[in-house]
């Protein structure tokens, strides 16, 4: 009986098959892990591209509004605004009116698939802006404060959800009083 038991333990037929199957399982798991990692990286880079595109759309909208000085005149079409309808982070500002569709000064070759939504808010502040330690003489100039709010969206409609970005800029118009 002892000889039969030893022969079963010493018989190595089929061990190569078991080791080959274990190696195939390990290599398959490594392949699946690398595939999932690659798919995750592709999605991540697509999201980054979309958010960068949305940022540059919003920034382009703000910059094009800033380039057109007629947007900051009081006779352009500012309408009164209810402070409770403002975005939450602007409700503490002293905003009294807004311009919902300012003129965008875009170069001829610039086209947006989804143009930025730009709003200019007029505030009741008249104080001199804080800055580099110097400003215009408050007896000769008045200060009119604005907040430019630009919301841009991803320009390539390749995903289920489009990225969006909001750029907010404070602007002070210097108006001669004399």
N, C-alpha and C. Protein backbone atom coordinates (compact mmCIF):
# COMPACT_ATOMS: atom_id res chain seq x y z
N UNK A 1 0.81 -1.18 0.00
CA UNK A 1 0.00 0.00 0.00
C UNK A 1 0.86 1.25 0.00
N UNK A 2 1.98 1.20 0.64
CA UNK A 2 2.88 2.34 0.68
C UNK A 2 3.50 2.63 -0.67
N UNK A 3 3.74 1.58 -1.48
CA UNK A 3 4.35 1.78 -2.78
C UNK A 3 3.38 2.47 -3.73
N UNK A 4 2.09 2.14 -3.62
CA UNK A 4 1.09 2.75 -4.48
C UNK A 4 0.93 4.23 -4.15
N UNK A 5 0.97 4.58 -2.86
CA UNK A 5 0.84 5.97 -2.42
C UNK A 5 2.02 6.80 -2.92
N UNK A 6 3.21 6.27 -2.84
CA UNK A 6 4.39 6.98 -3.33
C UNK A 6 4.35 7.18 -4.83
N UNK A 7 3.83 6.25 -5.56
CA UNK A 7 3.81 6.39 -7.02
C UNK A 7 2.83 7.47 -7.46
N UNK A 8 1.74 7.67 -6.72
CA UNK A 8 0.78 8.74 -7.07
C UNK A 8 1.41 10.10 -6.79
N UNK A 9 2.12 10.24 -5.70
CA UNK A 9 2.75 11.51 -5.36
C UNK A 9 3.88 11.83 -6.32
N UNK A 10 4.63 10.86 -6.75
CA UNK A 10 5.77 11.09 -7.63
C UNK A 10 5.36 11.20 -9.09
N UNK A 11 4.14 10.84 -9.42
CA UNK A 11 3.68 10.94 -10.81
C UNK A 11 3.43 12.42 -11.14
N UNK A 12 4.14 12.96 -12.11
CA UNK A 12 4.04 14.39 -12.43
C UNK A 12 3.29 14.63 -13.74
N UNK A 13 2.59 13.68 -14.26
CA UNK A 13 1.86 13.90 -15.51
C UNK A 13 0.70 14.87 -15.25
N UNK A 14 0.56 15.87 -16.11
CA UNK A 14 -0.49 16.86 -15.97
C UNK A 14 -0.10 18.12 -15.23
N UNK A 15 1.08 18.15 -14.60
CA UNK A 15 1.52 19.34 -13.87
C UNK A 15 1.78 20.49 -14.84
N UNK A 16 2.32 20.19 -15.99
CA UNK A 16 2.58 21.24 -16.99
C UNK A 16 1.28 21.91 -17.42
N UNK A 17 0.22 21.12 -17.55
CA UNK A 17 -1.08 21.68 -17.92
C UNK A 17 -1.61 22.62 -16.85
N UNK A 18 -1.49 22.23 -15.59
CA UNK A 18 -1.97 23.07 -14.48
C UNK A 18 -1.17 24.37 -14.43
N UNK A 19 0.15 24.27 -14.56
CA UNK A 19 0.99 25.49 -14.54
C UNK A 19 0.67 26.38 -15.74
N UNK A 20 0.44 25.81 -16.91
CA UNK A 20 0.08 26.60 -18.10
C UNK A 20 -1.25 27.31 -17.90
N UNK A 21 -2.22 26.64 -17.30
CA UNK A 21 -3.52 27.26 -17.05
C UNK A 21 -3.40 28.41 -16.05
N UNK A 22 -2.60 28.23 -15.02
CA UNK A 22 -2.38 29.31 -14.04
C UNK A 22 -1.71 30.51 -14.72
N UNK A 23 -0.72 30.25 -15.57
CA UNK A 23 -0.05 31.35 -16.28
C UNK A 23 -1.01 32.07 -17.22
N UNK A 24 -1.89 31.34 -17.89
CA UNK A 24 -2.88 31.97 -18.79
C UNK A 24 -3.82 32.86 -17.99
N UNK A 25 -4.27 32.41 -16.82
CA UNK A 25 -5.16 33.21 -15.98
C UNK A 25 -4.44 34.48 -15.51
N UNK A 26 -3.18 34.36 -15.08
CA UNK A 26 -2.41 35.52 -14.62
C UNK A 26 -2.21 36.52 -15.76
N UNK A 27 -1.83 36.01 -16.94
CA UNK A 27 -1.62 36.91 -18.08
C UNK A 27 -2.93 37.57 -18.53
N UNK A 28 -4.03 36.85 -18.45
CA UNK A 28 -5.34 37.43 -18.79
C UNK A 28 -5.70 38.55 -17.82
N UNK A 29 -5.46 38.34 -16.54
CA UNK A 29 -5.74 39.39 -15.54
C UNK A 29 -4.87 40.61 -15.77
N UNK A 30 -3.62 40.42 -16.11
CA UNK A 30 -2.73 41.56 -16.40
C UNK A 30 -3.23 42.31 -17.64
N UNK A 31 -3.65 41.57 -18.66
CA UNK A 31 -4.18 42.20 -19.87
C UNK A 31 -5.45 42.99 -19.60
N UNK A 32 -6.36 42.44 -18.81
CA UNK A 32 -7.60 43.15 -18.47
C UNK A 32 -7.32 44.41 -17.66
N UNK A 33 -6.39 44.30 -16.72
CA UNK A 33 -6.05 45.48 -15.90
C UNK A 33 -5.46 46.59 -16.78
N UNK A 34 -4.61 46.24 -17.72
CA UNK A 34 -4.03 47.28 -18.58
C UNK A 34 -5.08 47.87 -19.52
N UNK A 35 -6.03 47.05 -19.96
CA UNK A 35 -7.11 47.56 -20.81
C UNK A 35 -7.99 48.55 -20.04
N UNK A 36 -8.37 48.19 -18.83
CA UNK A 36 -9.19 49.09 -18.02
C UNK A 36 -8.43 50.38 -17.70
N UNK A 37 -7.15 50.28 -17.44
CA UNK A 37 -6.35 51.47 -17.17
C UNK A 37 -6.29 52.38 -18.40
N UNK A 38 -6.11 51.79 -19.57
CA UNK A 38 -6.07 52.58 -20.81
C UNK A 38 -7.40 53.28 -21.07
N UNK A 39 -8.50 52.57 -20.86
CA UNK A 39 -9.82 53.17 -21.07
C UNK A 39 -10.04 54.32 -20.09
N UNK A 40 -9.64 54.14 -18.84
CA UNK A 40 -9.76 55.20 -17.84
C UNK A 40 -8.93 56.42 -18.23
N UNK A 41 -7.71 56.21 -18.70
CA UNK A 41 -6.84 57.32 -19.11
C UNK A 41 -7.43 58.06 -20.31
N UNK A 42 -8.03 57.35 -21.24
CA UNK A 42 -8.65 57.99 -22.41
C UNK A 42 -9.82 58.86 -21.98
N UNK A 43 -10.65 58.35 -21.08
CA UNK A 43 -11.78 59.14 -20.57
C UNK A 43 -11.29 60.36 -19.81
N UNK A 44 -10.25 60.18 -19.02
CA UNK A 44 -9.70 61.27 -18.24
C UNK A 44 -9.14 62.37 -19.14
N UNK A 45 -8.43 61.99 -20.18
CA UNK A 45 -7.87 63.01 -21.09
C UNK A 45 -8.98 63.69 -21.88
N UNK A 46 -10.06 62.96 -22.20
CA UNK A 46 -11.20 63.58 -22.88
C UNK A 46 -11.88 64.60 -21.99
N UNK A 47 -12.03 64.28 -20.70
CA UNK A 47 -12.63 65.24 -19.76
C UNK A 47 -11.75 66.47 -19.62
N UNK A 48 -10.44 66.27 -19.56
CA UNK A 48 -9.51 67.40 -19.45
C UNK A 48 -9.60 68.29 -20.69
N UNK A 49 -9.67 67.67 -21.88
CA UNK A 49 -9.80 68.45 -23.10
C UNK A 49 -11.10 69.25 -23.09
N UNK A 50 -12.19 68.60 -22.65
CA UNK A 50 -13.48 69.29 -22.61
C UNK A 50 -13.49 70.45 -21.64
N UNK A 51 -12.91 70.27 -20.46
CA UNK A 51 -12.90 71.36 -19.48
C UNK A 51 -11.97 72.49 -19.92
N UNK A 52 -10.87 72.16 -20.57
CA UNK A 52 -9.98 73.20 -21.10
C UNK A 52 -10.67 73.98 -22.20
N UNK A 53 -11.38 73.27 -23.07
CA UNK A 53 -12.12 73.92 -24.15
C UNK A 53 -13.20 74.84 -23.58
N UNK A 54 -13.91 74.39 -22.55
CA UNK A 54 -14.94 75.22 -21.92
C UNK A 54 -14.33 76.46 -21.28
N UNK A 55 -13.17 76.31 -20.64
CA UNK A 55 -12.51 77.47 -20.04
C UNK A 55 -12.13 78.51 -21.10
N UNK A 56 -11.53 78.07 -22.19
CA UNK A 56 -11.13 79.02 -23.22
C UNK A 56 -12.33 79.66 -23.92
N UNK A 57 -13.44 78.94 -24.00
CA UNK A 57 -14.67 79.54 -24.55
C UNK A 57 -15.18 80.63 -23.62
N UNK A 58 -15.22 80.35 -22.32
CA UNK A 58 -15.68 81.36 -21.35
C UNK A 58 -14.74 82.55 -21.32
N UNK A 59 -13.45 82.29 -21.32
CA UNK A 59 -12.47 83.38 -21.30
C UNK A 59 -12.53 84.20 -22.58
N UNK A 60 -12.73 83.52 -23.71
CA UNK A 60 -12.86 84.25 -24.98
C UNK A 60 -14.09 85.15 -24.98
N UNK A 61 -15.19 84.67 -24.40
CA UNK A 61 -16.39 85.50 -24.30
C UNK A 61 -16.15 86.73 -23.44
N UNK A 62 -15.49 86.55 -22.30
CA UNK A 62 -15.21 87.68 -21.41
C UNK A 62 -14.26 88.67 -22.08
N UNK A 63 -13.22 88.16 -22.74
CA UNK A 63 -12.26 89.05 -23.39
C UNK A 63 -12.87 89.82 -24.55
N UNK A 64 -13.76 89.18 -25.31
CA UNK A 64 -14.38 89.88 -26.44
C UNK A 64 -15.35 90.95 -25.96
N UNK A 65 -16.01 90.73 -24.83
CA UNK A 65 -16.90 91.75 -24.26
C UNK A 65 -16.06 92.92 -23.72
N UNK A 66 -14.94 92.59 -23.08
CA UNK A 66 -14.07 93.65 -22.56
C UNK A 66 -13.48 94.50 -23.67
N UNK A 67 -13.29 93.94 -24.85
CA UNK A 67 -12.71 94.68 -25.96
C UNK A 67 -13.68 95.70 -26.56
N UNK A 68 -14.97 95.52 -26.34
CA UNK A 68 -15.97 96.43 -26.88
C UNK A 68 -16.41 97.38 -25.77
N UNK A 69 -15.88 98.59 -25.77
CA UNK A 69 -16.16 99.54 -24.70
C UNK A 69 -17.60 100.03 -24.66
N UNK A 70 -18.31 99.90 -25.77
CA UNK A 70 -19.71 100.35 -25.77
C UNK A 70 -20.58 99.49 -24.86
N UNK A 71 -20.11 98.30 -24.50
CA UNK A 71 -20.87 97.45 -23.58
C UNK A 71 -20.95 98.05 -22.18
N UNK A 72 -20.09 99.00 -21.88
CA UNK A 72 -20.02 99.54 -20.52
C UNK A 72 -20.58 100.96 -20.42
N UNK A 73 -21.45 101.31 -21.34
CA UNK A 73 -22.15 102.59 -21.26
C UNK A 73 -23.52 102.35 -20.64
N UNK A 74 -24.00 103.33 -19.91
CA UNK A 74 -25.27 103.16 -19.20
C UNK A 74 -26.48 103.16 -20.14
N UNK A 75 -26.32 103.63 -21.37
CA UNK A 75 -27.46 103.71 -22.29
C UNK A 75 -27.55 102.51 -23.25
N UNK A 76 -26.83 101.43 -22.97
CA UNK A 76 -26.79 100.29 -23.89
C UNK A 76 -27.93 99.31 -23.70
N UNK A 77 -28.64 99.35 -22.65
CA UNK A 77 -29.74 98.41 -22.44
C UNK A 77 -29.67 97.64 -21.14
N UNK A 78 -29.08 98.24 -20.12
CA UNK A 78 -29.06 97.60 -18.81
C UNK A 78 -30.48 97.59 -18.26
N UNK A 79 -30.86 96.47 -17.66
CA UNK A 79 -32.19 96.35 -17.06
C UNK A 79 -32.04 96.10 -15.57
N UNK A 80 -33.04 96.57 -14.83
CA UNK A 80 -33.01 96.39 -13.37
C UNK A 80 -33.04 94.91 -13.04
N UNK A 81 -32.41 94.56 -11.92
CA UNK A 81 -32.31 93.16 -11.53
C UNK A 81 -32.73 93.00 -10.08
N UNK A 82 -33.42 91.90 -9.81
CA UNK A 82 -33.81 91.55 -8.45
C UNK A 82 -32.64 90.79 -7.83
N UNK A 83 -32.09 91.25 -6.70
CA UNK A 83 -30.92 90.58 -6.12
C UNK A 83 -31.12 89.10 -5.82
N UNK A 84 -32.34 88.68 -5.56
CA UNK A 84 -32.57 87.27 -5.25
C UNK A 84 -32.46 86.38 -6.49
N UNK A 85 -32.48 86.97 -7.70
CA UNK A 85 -32.35 86.18 -8.93
C UNK A 85 -30.90 86.06 -9.38
N UNK A 86 -30.00 86.72 -8.68
CA UNK A 86 -28.58 86.67 -9.05
C UNK A 86 -27.97 85.34 -8.63
N UNK A 87 -26.84 84.97 -9.25
CA UNK A 87 -26.12 83.79 -8.75
C UNK A 87 -25.78 83.98 -7.27
N UNK A 88 -25.71 82.89 -6.54
CA UNK A 88 -25.55 82.95 -5.08
C UNK A 88 -24.33 83.76 -4.66
N UNK A 89 -23.21 83.58 -5.36
CA UNK A 89 -21.99 84.29 -4.95
C UNK A 89 -22.00 85.76 -5.33
N UNK A 90 -23.00 86.22 -6.10
CA UNK A 90 -23.11 87.64 -6.43
C UNK A 90 -24.22 88.34 -5.63
N UNK A 91 -24.94 87.62 -4.80
CA UNK A 91 -26.05 88.24 -4.07
C UNK A 91 -25.58 89.21 -3.00
N UNK A 92 -24.35 89.10 -2.55
CA UNK A 92 -23.82 90.04 -1.55
C UNK A 92 -23.23 91.29 -2.19
N UNK A 93 -23.08 91.29 -3.52
CA UNK A 93 -22.58 92.47 -4.22
C UNK A 93 -23.71 93.50 -4.34
N UNK A 94 -23.36 94.73 -4.57
CA UNK A 94 -24.37 95.79 -4.70
C UNK A 94 -24.75 95.97 -6.17
N UNK A 95 -25.35 94.95 -6.75
CA UNK A 95 -25.72 94.96 -8.17
C UNK A 95 -27.13 95.51 -8.33
N UNK A 96 -27.28 96.46 -9.26
CA UNK A 96 -28.60 97.05 -9.48
C UNK A 96 -29.16 96.78 -10.88
N UNK A 97 -28.30 96.47 -11.86
CA UNK A 97 -28.80 96.22 -13.21
C UNK A 97 -27.85 95.27 -13.95
N UNK A 98 -28.35 94.76 -15.08
CA UNK A 98 -27.53 93.84 -15.86
C UNK A 98 -27.80 94.01 -17.34
N UNK A 99 -26.81 93.62 -18.14
CA UNK A 99 -26.92 93.59 -19.59
C UNK A 99 -26.76 92.13 -19.99
N UNK A 100 -27.86 91.51 -20.44
CA UNK A 100 -27.86 90.06 -20.68
C UNK A 100 -27.22 89.64 -21.99
N UNK A 101 -27.23 90.50 -22.98
CA UNK A 101 -26.66 90.12 -24.27
C UNK A 101 -25.75 91.22 -24.80
N UNK A 102 -24.56 91.35 -24.23
CA UNK A 102 -23.63 92.37 -24.71
C UNK A 102 -23.08 91.99 -26.07
N UNK A 103 -22.53 93.00 -26.76
CA UNK A 103 -21.94 92.77 -28.07
C UNK A 103 -20.60 92.06 -27.92
N UNK A 104 -20.43 90.96 -28.65
CA UNK A 104 -19.18 90.22 -28.65
C UNK A 104 -18.35 90.68 -29.84
N UNK A 105 -17.15 91.17 -29.58
CA UNK A 105 -16.26 91.60 -30.66
C UNK A 105 -15.34 90.44 -31.02
N UNK A 106 -15.78 89.62 -31.96
CA UNK A 106 -14.99 88.44 -32.34
C UNK A 106 -14.32 88.67 -33.70
N UNK A 107 -13.12 88.15 -33.87
CA UNK A 107 -12.50 88.20 -35.20
C UNK A 107 -13.35 87.43 -36.20
N UNK A 108 -13.18 87.74 -37.48
CA UNK A 108 -14.03 87.15 -38.52
C UNK A 108 -13.90 85.63 -38.60
N UNK A 109 -12.75 85.09 -38.29
CA UNK A 109 -12.54 83.65 -38.44
C UNK A 109 -12.85 82.84 -37.18
N UNK A 110 -13.42 83.49 -36.15
CA UNK A 110 -13.75 82.79 -34.90
C UNK A 110 -15.23 82.45 -34.90
N UNK A 111 -15.52 81.16 -34.76
CA UNK A 111 -16.90 80.68 -34.68
C UNK A 111 -17.02 79.75 -33.49
N UNK A 112 -18.10 79.86 -32.77
CA UNK A 112 -18.36 78.99 -31.64
C UNK A 112 -19.48 78.03 -32.00
N UNK A 113 -19.30 76.75 -31.69
CA UNK A 113 -20.39 75.80 -31.85
C UNK A 113 -21.47 76.10 -30.81
N UNK A 114 -21.05 76.45 -29.61
CA UNK A 114 -21.94 76.88 -28.53
C UNK A 114 -21.35 78.17 -27.98
N UNK A 115 -21.86 79.34 -28.42
CA UNK A 115 -21.27 80.61 -27.99
C UNK A 115 -21.34 80.80 -26.48
N UNK A 116 -20.41 81.55 -25.92
CA UNK A 116 -20.45 81.79 -24.47
C UNK A 116 -21.64 82.66 -24.10
N UNK A 117 -22.17 82.43 -22.91
CA UNK A 117 -23.25 83.26 -22.39
C UNK A 117 -22.62 84.30 -21.47
N UNK A 118 -22.65 85.55 -21.91
CA UNK A 118 -21.98 86.61 -21.17
C UNK A 118 -23.03 87.57 -20.62
N UNK A 119 -22.87 87.93 -19.35
CA UNK A 119 -23.75 88.90 -18.70
C UNK A 119 -22.86 89.93 -18.02
N UNK A 120 -23.22 91.20 -18.18
CA UNK A 120 -22.50 92.28 -17.50
C UNK A 120 -23.42 92.82 -16.41
N UNK A 121 -22.92 92.83 -15.18
CA UNK A 121 -23.68 93.36 -14.04
C UNK A 121 -23.11 94.72 -13.67
N UNK A 122 -23.99 95.69 -13.44
CA UNK A 122 -23.58 97.02 -12.99
C UNK A 122 -23.78 97.09 -11.49
N UNK A 123 -22.78 97.59 -10.78
CA UNK A 123 -22.89 97.72 -9.33
C UNK A 123 -23.07 99.18 -8.95
N UNK A 124 -23.50 99.41 -7.73
CA UNK A 124 -23.68 100.78 -7.25
C UNK A 124 -22.42 101.33 -6.59
N UNK A 125 -21.36 100.55 -6.59
CA UNK A 125 -20.10 101.01 -5.99
C UNK A 125 -19.53 102.17 -6.80
N UNK A 126 -18.99 103.16 -6.11
CA UNK A 126 -18.36 104.31 -6.77
C UNK A 126 -16.98 104.62 -6.19
N UNK A 127 -16.48 103.72 -5.34
CA UNK A 127 -15.18 103.96 -4.70
C UNK A 127 -14.05 103.65 -5.68
N UNK A 128 -12.88 104.19 -5.35
CA UNK A 128 -11.70 103.93 -6.17
C UNK A 128 -11.29 102.47 -6.02
N UNK A 129 -10.86 101.84 -7.12
CA UNK A 129 -10.45 100.44 -7.02
C UNK A 129 -9.15 100.27 -6.26
N UNK A 130 -9.04 99.18 -5.57
CA UNK A 130 -7.79 98.88 -4.89
C UNK A 130 -6.86 98.24 -5.90
N UNK A 131 -5.59 98.57 -5.79
CA UNK A 131 -4.68 98.02 -6.78
C UNK A 131 -3.24 98.18 -6.37
N UNK A 132 -2.48 98.84 -7.21
CA UNK A 132 -1.04 98.94 -7.03
C UNK A 132 -0.62 100.11 -6.16
N UNK A 133 -1.54 100.75 -5.47
CA UNK A 133 -1.17 101.84 -4.57
C UNK A 133 -1.35 103.22 -5.17
N UNK A 134 -1.81 103.30 -6.40
CA UNK A 134 -2.08 104.61 -6.98
C UNK A 134 -3.38 104.51 -7.76
N UNK A 135 -4.05 105.62 -7.92
CA UNK A 135 -5.29 105.64 -8.69
C UNK A 135 -5.52 107.06 -9.18
N UNK A 136 -6.55 107.21 -9.99
CA UNK A 136 -6.88 108.52 -10.52
C UNK A 136 -7.43 109.40 -9.39
N UNK A 137 -7.30 110.70 -9.57
CA UNK A 137 -7.79 111.67 -8.59
C UNK A 137 -9.31 111.56 -8.50
N UNK A 138 -9.86 111.20 -7.32
CA UNK A 138 -11.31 111.03 -7.21
C UNK A 138 -12.09 112.33 -7.40
N UNK A 139 -11.41 113.49 -7.33
CA UNK A 139 -12.11 114.76 -7.59
C UNK A 139 -12.30 115.00 -9.08
N UNK A 140 -11.45 114.39 -9.91
CA UNK A 140 -11.52 114.59 -11.36
C UNK A 140 -12.18 113.43 -12.09
N UNK A 141 -12.23 112.27 -11.45
CA UNK A 141 -12.76 111.07 -12.11
C UNK A 141 -13.75 110.35 -11.20
N UNK A 142 -14.75 109.76 -11.83
CA UNK A 142 -15.67 108.89 -11.12
C UNK A 142 -15.37 107.44 -11.50
N UNK A 143 -15.78 106.54 -10.66
CA UNK A 143 -15.50 105.13 -10.88
C UNK A 143 -16.82 104.36 -10.98
N UNK A 144 -16.99 103.64 -12.07
CA UNK A 144 -18.19 102.84 -12.29
C UNK A 144 -17.74 101.37 -12.31
N UNK A 145 -18.31 100.56 -11.43
CA UNK A 145 -17.90 99.16 -11.28
C UNK A 145 -18.86 98.23 -12.00
N UNK A 146 -18.28 97.23 -12.67
CA UNK A 146 -19.04 96.20 -13.38
C UNK A 146 -18.47 94.83 -13.01
N UNK A 147 -19.30 93.81 -13.17
CA UNK A 147 -18.86 92.42 -13.05
C UNK A 147 -19.24 91.73 -14.36
N UNK A 148 -18.24 91.17 -15.05
CA UNK A 148 -18.49 90.45 -16.30
C UNK A 148 -18.49 88.96 -15.97
N UNK A 149 -19.59 88.30 -16.28
CA UNK A 149 -19.76 86.88 -16.00
C UNK A 149 -19.92 86.15 -17.33
N UNK A 150 -19.02 85.23 -17.62
CA UNK A 150 -19.04 84.50 -18.89
C UNK A 150 -19.06 83.00 -18.61
N UNK A 151 -20.01 82.30 -19.23
CA UNK A 151 -20.13 80.85 -19.08
C UNK A 151 -19.89 80.22 -20.44
N UNK A 152 -18.87 79.36 -20.50
CA UNK A 152 -18.53 78.69 -21.76
C UNK A 152 -18.78 77.20 -21.65
N UNK A 153 -19.08 76.59 -22.79
CA UNK A 153 -19.30 75.14 -22.84
C UNK A 153 -18.29 74.51 -23.79
N UNK A 154 -18.08 73.22 -23.60
CA UNK A 154 -17.22 72.43 -24.47
C UNK A 154 -17.71 72.57 -25.91
N UNK A 155 -16.81 72.81 -26.85
CA UNK A 155 -17.21 73.07 -28.23
C UNK A 155 -17.35 71.80 -29.07
N UNK A 156 -16.88 70.68 -28.59
CA UNK A 156 -17.00 69.43 -29.33
C UNK A 156 -18.05 68.58 -28.62
N UNK A 157 -19.12 68.29 -29.33
CA UNK A 157 -20.23 67.53 -28.74
C UNK A 157 -19.98 66.04 -28.93
N UNK A 158 -18.92 65.53 -28.26
CA UNK A 158 -18.54 64.13 -28.44
C UNK A 158 -18.91 63.25 -27.26
N UNK A 159 -19.36 63.85 -26.18
CA UNK A 159 -19.67 63.04 -25.01
C UNK A 159 -21.10 63.31 -24.57
N UNK A 160 -21.55 62.49 -23.65
CA UNK A 160 -22.91 62.61 -23.14
C UNK A 160 -23.08 63.90 -22.35
N UNK A 161 -22.06 64.25 -21.56
CA UNK A 161 -22.10 65.47 -20.76
C UNK A 161 -21.04 66.44 -21.28
N UNK A 162 -21.46 67.68 -21.52
CA UNK A 162 -20.52 68.70 -21.97
C UNK A 162 -19.99 69.46 -20.77
N UNK A 163 -18.69 69.72 -20.79
CA UNK A 163 -18.07 70.49 -19.72
C UNK A 163 -18.50 71.94 -19.83
N UNK A 164 -18.56 72.61 -18.69
CA UNK A 164 -18.85 74.04 -18.69
C UNK A 164 -17.92 74.72 -17.69
N UNK A 165 -17.68 76.00 -17.93
CA UNK A 165 -16.77 76.76 -17.08
C UNK A 165 -17.31 78.19 -16.97
N UNK A 166 -17.10 78.80 -15.83
CA UNK A 166 -17.54 80.17 -15.62
C UNK A 166 -16.33 81.03 -15.28
N UNK A 167 -16.21 82.15 -16.00
CA UNK A 167 -15.14 83.12 -15.76
C UNK A 167 -15.79 84.42 -15.33
N UNK A 168 -15.34 84.96 -14.22
CA UNK A 168 -15.90 86.21 -13.71
C UNK A 168 -14.78 87.23 -13.57
N UNK A 169 -15.02 88.44 -14.09
CA UNK A 169 -14.02 89.50 -14.09
C UNK A 169 -14.64 90.78 -13.55
N UNK A 170 -13.91 91.46 -12.68
CA UNK A 170 -14.35 92.78 -12.20
C UNK A 170 -13.73 93.84 -13.09
N UNK A 171 -14.56 94.82 -13.47
CA UNK A 171 -14.12 95.89 -14.36
C UNK A 171 -14.49 97.22 -13.72
N UNK A 172 -13.58 98.19 -13.81
CA UNK A 172 -13.86 99.54 -13.32
C UNK A 172 -13.69 100.50 -14.48
N UNK A 173 -14.73 101.29 -14.74
CA UNK A 173 -14.67 102.30 -15.80
C UNK A 173 -14.35 103.64 -15.15
N UNK A 174 -13.37 104.32 -15.70
CA UNK A 174 -12.97 105.63 -15.22
C UNK A 174 -13.72 106.68 -16.03
N UNK A 175 -14.51 107.53 -15.37
CA UNK A 175 -15.34 108.52 -16.06
C UNK A 175 -14.91 109.91 -15.59
N UNK A 176 -14.48 110.78 -16.53
CA UNK A 176 -14.11 112.14 -16.12
C UNK A 176 -15.33 112.89 -15.59
N UNK A 177 -15.15 113.63 -14.50
CA UNK A 177 -16.26 114.39 -13.92
C UNK A 177 -16.25 115.84 -14.36
N UNK A 178 -15.19 116.29 -14.96
CA UNK A 178 -15.11 117.70 -15.39
C UNK A 178 -15.62 117.89 -16.78
